[in-house]
Amino acid sequence: MPPHISPNSRSSDIPHISHEDPLPCPPRPEGRWACPYLSERTGKPTVFTRRPLGQAEVEFGLQSCLVADSLERLKMLMEREDEKYRDYLVQARPSRDTE
């Protein structure tokens, strides 16, 4: 008998899960950026976007990877890229005046 189940347990005391129940999943991460890390190769703080950039985003000049000399500088670059991304969204959104 598994160690976490007492020999005195009744089957009604043990929770049962159906094979049709969905598996629990962690909450979806927030923001465009993954967690910054210190690169072993360069020794510098580095961060990537959570998803690959689309062709239009690349053509707009957005970056999917940022590298800086310090974490403070990296955060500043991330904020600058986020501002550029907001500009991209405004440009990419179709204007209602043209409809």
Protein backbone atom coordinates (compact mmCIF):
# COMPACT_ATOMS: atom_id res chain seq x y z
CA MET A 1 0.00 0.00 0.00
CA PRO A 2 1.40 3.48 -0.85
CA PRO A 3 2.88 5.26 2.20
CA HIS A 4 0.51 8.24 1.98
CA ILE A 5 -2.60 6.01 2.37
CA SER A 6 -3.35 4.69 5.81
CA PRO A 7 -4.26 1.01 6.09
CA ASN A 8 -7.41 2.14 7.93
CA SER A 9 -8.57 4.34 5.00
CA ARG A 10 -11.80 3.52 3.29
CA SER A 11 -12.12 3.91 -0.47
CA SER A 12 -14.61 6.74 0.10
CA ASP A 13 -11.86 8.68 1.95
CA ILE A 14 -9.57 8.69 -1.07
CA PRO A 15 -10.22 11.37 -3.71
CA HIS A 16 -10.97 9.97 -7.14
CA ILE A 17 -10.18 11.76 -10.38
CA SER A 18 -11.76 10.91 -13.70
CA HIS A 19 -9.52 10.31 -16.70
CA GLU A 20 -11.71 12.87 -18.50
CA ASP A 21 -10.88 15.71 -16.09
CA PRO A 22 -8.52 18.30 -17.59
CA LEU A 23 -5.03 18.50 -16.15
CA PRO A 24 -4.29 21.56 -14.08
CA CYS A 25 -2.10 24.10 -15.82
CA PRO A 26 -0.10 27.02 -14.50
CA PRO A 27 -1.37 30.53 -15.19
CA ARG A 28 -0.30 32.00 -18.51
CA PRO A 29 2.77 34.22 -18.07
CA GLU A 30 2.23 37.97 -18.34
CA GLY A 31 4.12 40.37 -20.56
CA ARG A 32 6.16 40.08 -23.75
CA TRP A 33 9.44 39.06 -22.11
CA ALA A 34 10.65 35.80 -20.64
CA CYS A 35 12.70 35.88 -17.43
CA PRO A 36 16.06 37.68 -17.85
CA TYR A 37 19.13 35.54 -17.18
CA LEU A 38 22.91 35.90 -17.06
CA SER A 39 24.31 34.34 -20.24
CA GLU A 40 27.15 31.86 -19.68
CA ARG A 41 28.55 32.66 -23.11
CA THR A 42 28.68 36.46 -22.81
CA GLY A 43 28.45 36.92 -19.04
CA LYS A 44 25.80 39.62 -19.64
CA PRO A 45 22.14 39.91 -18.68
CA THR A 46 20.02 38.62 -21.57
CA VAL A 47 16.30 38.31 -22.27
CA PHE A 48 14.18 36.92 -25.12
CA THR A 49 10.56 37.54 -26.06
CA ARG A 50 8.14 34.82 -24.96
CA ARG A 51 7.16 34.13 -28.56
CA PRO A 52 8.95 34.57 -31.88
CA LEU A 53 8.36 37.85 -33.67
CA GLY A 54 6.32 37.90 -36.85
CA GLN A 55 7.74 39.14 -40.13
CA ALA A 56 5.91 42.48 -39.84
CA GLU A 57 7.32 42.99 -36.32
CA VAL A 58 10.85 42.30 -37.55
CA GLU A 59 10.39 44.68 -40.49
CA PHE A 60 9.14 47.33 -38.05
CA GLY A 61 12.46 46.97 -36.19
CA LEU A 62 11.42 45.11 -33.06
CA GLN A 63 14.02 42.96 -31.30
CA SER A 64 13.39 39.46 -29.93
CA CYS A 65 16.64 39.33 -27.91
CA LEU A 66 18.19 42.04 -25.75
CA VAL A 67 21.65 41.99 -24.15
CA ALA A 68 23.05 44.65 -21.80
CA ASP A 69 25.97 45.30 -19.46
CA SER A 70 23.72 45.49 -16.37
CA LEU A 71 20.27 44.40 -15.30
CA GLU A 72 19.22 48.05 -14.93
CA ARG A 73 20.27 48.77 -18.52
CA LEU A 74 18.48 45.62 -19.70
CA LYS A 75 15.25 46.75 -18.00
CA MET A 76 15.59 50.13 -19.70
CA LEU A 77 16.03 48.45 -23.09
CA MET A 78 12.99 46.25 -22.42
CA GLU A 79 10.88 49.33 -21.63
CA ARG A 80 12.11 51.02 -24.82
CA GLU A 81 11.19 47.93 -26.87
CA ASP A 82 7.76 47.85 -25.20
CA GLU A 83 7.19 51.47 -26.26
CA LYS A 84 8.24 50.58 -29.80
CA TYR A 85 5.87 47.58 -29.68
CA ARG A 86 2.97 49.86 -28.66
CA ASP A 87 3.82 52.09 -31.65
CA TYR A 88 3.79 48.99 -33.85
CA LEU A 89 0.33 48.01 -32.56
CA VAL A 90 -1.03 51.48 -33.32
CA GLN A 91 0.40 51.36 -36.85
CA ALA A 92 -0.74 47.76 -37.48
CA ARG A 93 -4.31 48.42 -36.29
CA PRO A 94 -6.51 49.31 -39.27
CA SER A 95 -7.86 52.82 -39.16
CA ARG A 96 -11.63 53.11 -38.79
CA ASP A 97 -11.61 56.28 -40.89
CA THR A 98 -10.70 54.28 -44.01
CA GLU A 99 -13.60 51.83 -43.66
